[in-house]
C-alpha cells in the first residue's frame, strides 16, 4: 500500500468515526478539550494563540475566546491563495462576525488584521487523525505544513482531535508532514 493510499484509508476511518459520534458525547468531550487547552495557555502564556475555526467534526476551541484569564491575541487561518495552498492567520475576537471562506471554513469578516507568530506561540492544529508520536493527518491539502515551513520562529504545535481519532499506530508520515509537539484530546494532552 502506498503512503497516499494509507493516508486515504486513515482519513476514511476517521470519517466513519465522525458519522457514528453522538452529539452529547461530542459536547462533553469538547468541554474537556477546551479545559485542557486552557491549561496549556496557562502554562505557556503565549503572546499569540493560533487556532482554527471548527468544521462540524472538529473540536470547537472558540470558548477560549471568552476565557478572561489569558491575555494572548487569538488568530485563525485565512486562505490567501487556494492554488498555491497558502494561508496566513488573522486576528480573531469574541463576537466577531464570520463568513464562509475557502473550502467552507469560517473566517473573520473584514477588517482582517494579520498576526505574525512570535517565538513559542501556541498553534492549535485540527486533525482528522493523530498518532501518539505527533503524526497528524489533516484534510490532505497541506496548508498547515506549508505555513509551518515558511516560519523562522519555533512554535508549540498542538494537534487537536477527539480521542477516537488518536491512535497508537504510527501514521503514514512523509518528509513534508510536520509533527506536533503535543497531542490534545478529551483525555488530556501528551508531549511527544
Protein backbone atom coordinates (compact mmCIF):
# COMPACT_ATOMS: atom_id res chain seq x y z
CA UNK A 1 0.00 0.00 0.00
CA UNK A 2 1.40 3.41 -0.95
CA UNK A 3 1.68 6.25 1.56
CA UNK A 4 -1.11 8.07 -0.31
CA UNK A 5 -3.38 5.02 -0.03
CA UNK A 6 -2.53 4.56 3.66
CA UNK A 7 -3.34 8.22 4.37
CA UNK A 8 -6.64 7.92 2.46
CA UNK A 9 -7.56 4.80 4.44
CA UNK A 10 -6.82 6.56 7.76
CA UNK A 11 -8.94 9.57 6.73
CA UNK A 12 -11.80 7.28 5.64
CA UNK A 13 -11.69 5.58 9.05
CA UNK A 14 -11.90 8.99 10.73
CA UNK A 15 -14.92 9.95 8.61
CA UNK A 16 -16.66 6.74 9.71
CA UNK A 17 -15.99 7.59 13.36
CA UNK A 18 -17.31 11.14 12.81
CA UNK A 19 -20.56 9.71 11.42
CA UNK A 20 -21.10 7.49 14.47
CA UNK A 21 -20.22 10.04 17.15
CA UNK A 22 -23.25 11.16 19.19
CA UNK A 23 -23.93 14.84 19.93
CA UNK A 24 -23.99 14.53 23.77
CA UNK A 25 -20.73 12.56 23.63
CA UNK A 26 -19.17 15.20 21.38
CA UNK A 27 -20.35 18.09 23.55
CA UNK A 28 -18.93 16.61 26.76
CA UNK A 29 -15.67 15.68 25.03
CA UNK A 30 -15.37 19.16 23.58
CA UNK A 31 -15.72 20.76 27.03
CA UNK A 32 -12.83 18.59 28.26
CA UNK A 33 -10.68 19.54 25.27
CA UNK A 34 -11.27 23.24 25.95
CA UNK A 35 -10.38 22.67 29.62
CA UNK A 36 -7.04 21.08 28.68
CA UNK A 37 -6.37 23.79 26.06
CA UNK A 38 -6.87 26.39 28.82
CA UNK A 39 -4.28 24.57 30.92
CA UNK A 40 -1.79 24.81 28.06
CA UNK A 41 -2.44 28.55 27.70
CA UNK A 42 -1.99 28.96 31.47
CA UNK A 43 1.26 27.02 31.41
CA UNK A 44 2.89 28.75 28.43
CA UNK A 45 1.33 32.23 28.44
CA UNK A 46 1.92 32.79 24.71
CA UNK A 47 1.77 36.19 23.06
CA UNK A 48 -0.46 34.69 20.33
CA UNK A 49 -2.74 31.69 20.15
CA UNK A 50 -3.32 30.45 16.61
CA UNK A 51 -6.47 28.36 16.40
CA UNK A 52 -8.76 27.05 13.73
CA UNK A 53 -12.47 27.73 13.46
CA UNK A 54 -14.06 24.28 13.52
CA UNK A 55 -15.80 22.36 10.82
CA UNK A 56 -18.60 20.10 12.02
CA UNK A 57 -16.42 17.12 13.01
CA UNK A 58 -13.63 19.09 14.71
CA UNK A 59 -13.34 20.05 18.38
CA UNK A 60 -14.51 23.63 18.95
CA UNK A 61 -11.93 25.75 20.76
CA UNK A 62 -13.78 29.05 20.34
CA UNK A 63 -14.85 29.08 24.04
CA UNK A 64 -11.21 30.03 24.71
CA UNK A 65 -12.02 33.48 23.29
CA UNK A 66 -14.33 34.16 26.25
CA UNK A 67 -11.90 32.99 28.89
CA UNK A 68 -10.82 36.08 30.88
CA UNK A 69 -7.64 34.68 32.47
CA UNK A 70 -5.46 34.94 29.37
CA UNK A 71 -4.04 37.94 27.60
CA UNK A 72 -2.92 36.44 24.28
CA UNK A 73 -4.10 37.59 20.89
CA UNK A 74 -6.13 34.95 19.07
CA UNK A 75 -5.86 34.36 15.35
CA UNK A 76 -7.48 32.00 12.84
CA UNK A 77 -6.38 30.84 9.38
CA UNK A 78 -7.29 32.61 6.18
CA UNK A 79 -6.54 31.06 2.80
CA UNK A 80 -4.79 33.71 0.71
CA UNK A 81 -4.06 31.57 -2.37
CA UNK A 82 -6.10 28.44 -3.00
CA UNK A 83 -3.96 27.31 -5.93
CA UNK A 84 -0.60 27.76 -4.19
CA UNK A 85 -2.17 26.46 -0.95
CA UNK A 86 -1.02 29.43 1.11
CA UNK A 87 -2.57 30.81 4.25
CA UNK A 88 -1.94 33.39 6.91
CA UNK A 89 -3.57 33.99 10.26
CA UNK A 90 -5.80 36.95 11.07
CA UNK A 91 -6.89 38.33 14.42
CA UNK A 92 -9.98 36.74 15.94
CA UNK A 93 -12.03 38.35 18.72
CA UNK A 94 -15.10 37.43 20.74
CA UNK A 95 -18.31 38.08 18.86
CA UNK A 96 -16.54 38.90 15.60
CA UNK A 97 -18.71 38.31 12.53
CA UNK A 98 -17.71 35.31 10.43
CA UNK A 99 -18.34 34.28 6.86
CA UNK A 100 -17.65 31.14 4.84
CA UNK A 101 -14.20 31.24 3.31
CA UNK A 102 -12.32 28.84 1.09
CA UNK A 103 -13.39 25.21 1.44
CA UNK A 104 -16.37 26.36 3.54
CA UNK A 105 -14.14 27.13 6.54
CA UNK A 106 -15.37 30.07 8.66
CA UNK A 107 -13.20 33.21 8.54
CA UNK A 108 -13.47 36.60 10.25
CA UNK A 109 -15.18 39.30 8.22
CA UNK A 110 -13.12 42.39 7.36
CA UNK A 111 -11.23 44.20 8.66
CA UNK A 112 -8.69 41.39 8.73
CA UNK A 113 -5.56 42.10 10.72
CA UNK A 114 -2.72 39.67 10.01
CA UNK A 115 -1.00 38.23 13.09
CA UNK A 116 2.69 37.35 12.82
CA UNK A 117 3.90 34.49 15.05
CA UNK A 118 6.35 35.11 17.87
CA UNK A 119 8.74 32.60 19.43
CA UNK A 120 6.94 29.90 21.47
CA UNK A 121 3.41 30.91 20.46
CA UNK A 122 0.84 28.10 20.53
CA UNK A 123 -0.81 26.76 17.39
CA UNK A 124 -3.85 24.52 17.87
CA UNK A 125 -3.89 22.42 14.70
CA UNK A 126 -7.01 20.47 13.67
CA UNK A 127 -6.51 16.82 12.81
CA UNK A 128 -8.63 14.16 11.23
CA UNK A 129 -6.28 11.63 12.83
CA UNK A 130 -3.33 11.95 15.24
CA UNK A 131 -0.89 9.37 16.49
CA UNK A 132 0.68 9.48 19.94
CA UNK A 133 4.07 10.21 18.35
CA UNK A 134 2.98 13.58 16.95
CA UNK A 135 1.97 12.40 13.49
CA UNK A 136 -1.01 14.26 12.06
CA UNK A 137 -3.32 13.86 9.11
CA UNK A 138 -5.42 16.85 8.21
CA UNK A 139 -7.69 17.08 5.20
CA UNK A 140 -4.78 16.47 2.84
CA UNK A 141 -4.20 19.85 1.20
CA UNK A 142 -1.07 20.67 3.22
CA UNK A 143 -1.91 24.28 4.15
CA UNK A 144 -0.56 23.99 7.72
CA UNK A 145 2.61 22.14 6.65
CA UNK A 146 3.36 24.85 4.07
CA UNK A 147 2.72 27.63 6.61
CA UNK A 148 4.99 25.97 9.20
CA UNK A 149 7.76 25.63 6.58
CA UNK A 150 7.73 29.41 5.97
CA UNK A 151 8.23 30.35 9.62
CA UNK A 152 11.54 31.24 11.22
CA UNK A 153 10.32 31.02 14.82
CA UNK A 154 9.80 27.94 16.99
CA UNK A 155 6.13 27.44 17.83
CA UNK A 156 4.40 24.97 20.14
CA UNK A 157 2.32 22.82 17.81
CA UNK A 158 -0.71 21.19 19.42
CA UNK A 159 -2.59 18.61 17.35
CA UNK A 160 -6.27 18.55 18.34
CA UNK A 161 -8.72 15.68 17.78
CA UNK A 162 -11.35 13.70 19.62
CA UNK A 163 -9.86 10.65 21.39
CA UNK A 164 -11.47 8.20 18.94
CA UNK A 165 -9.22 9.75 16.28
CA UNK A 166 -5.96 9.37 18.23
CA UNK A 167 -4.09 6.14 17.55
CA UNK A 168 -1.10 4.30 18.98
CA UNK A 169 -0.31 3.04 15.48
CA UNK A 170 2.14 5.37 13.72
CA UNK A 171 0.52 7.25 10.86
CA UNK A 172 1.99 7.20 7.35
CA UNK A 173 4.03 10.41 7.53
CA UNK A 174 6.10 11.91 4.73
CA UNK A 175 9.11 14.23 4.94
CA UNK A 176 6.97 17.37 4.41
CA UNK A 177 4.49 16.41 7.17
CA UNK A 178 5.23 18.49 10.27
CA UNK A 179 4.96 16.59 13.55
CA UNK A 180 3.08 18.01 16.52
CA UNK A 181 4.78 18.75 19.86
CA UNK A 182 1.64 17.96 21.87
CA UNK A 183 -1.37 15.72 21.19
CA UNK A 184 -4.61 17.06 22.73
CA UNK A 185 -7.93 15.24 23.11
CA UNK A 186 -10.63 14.99 25.76
CA UNK A 187 -8.42 12.52 27.68
CA UNK A 188 -5.76 15.20 28.19
CA UNK A 189 -2.57 16.26 26.47
CA UNK A 190 0.68 14.41 25.90
CA UNK A 191 4.11 15.77 24.96
CA UNK A 192 5.66 13.81 22.12
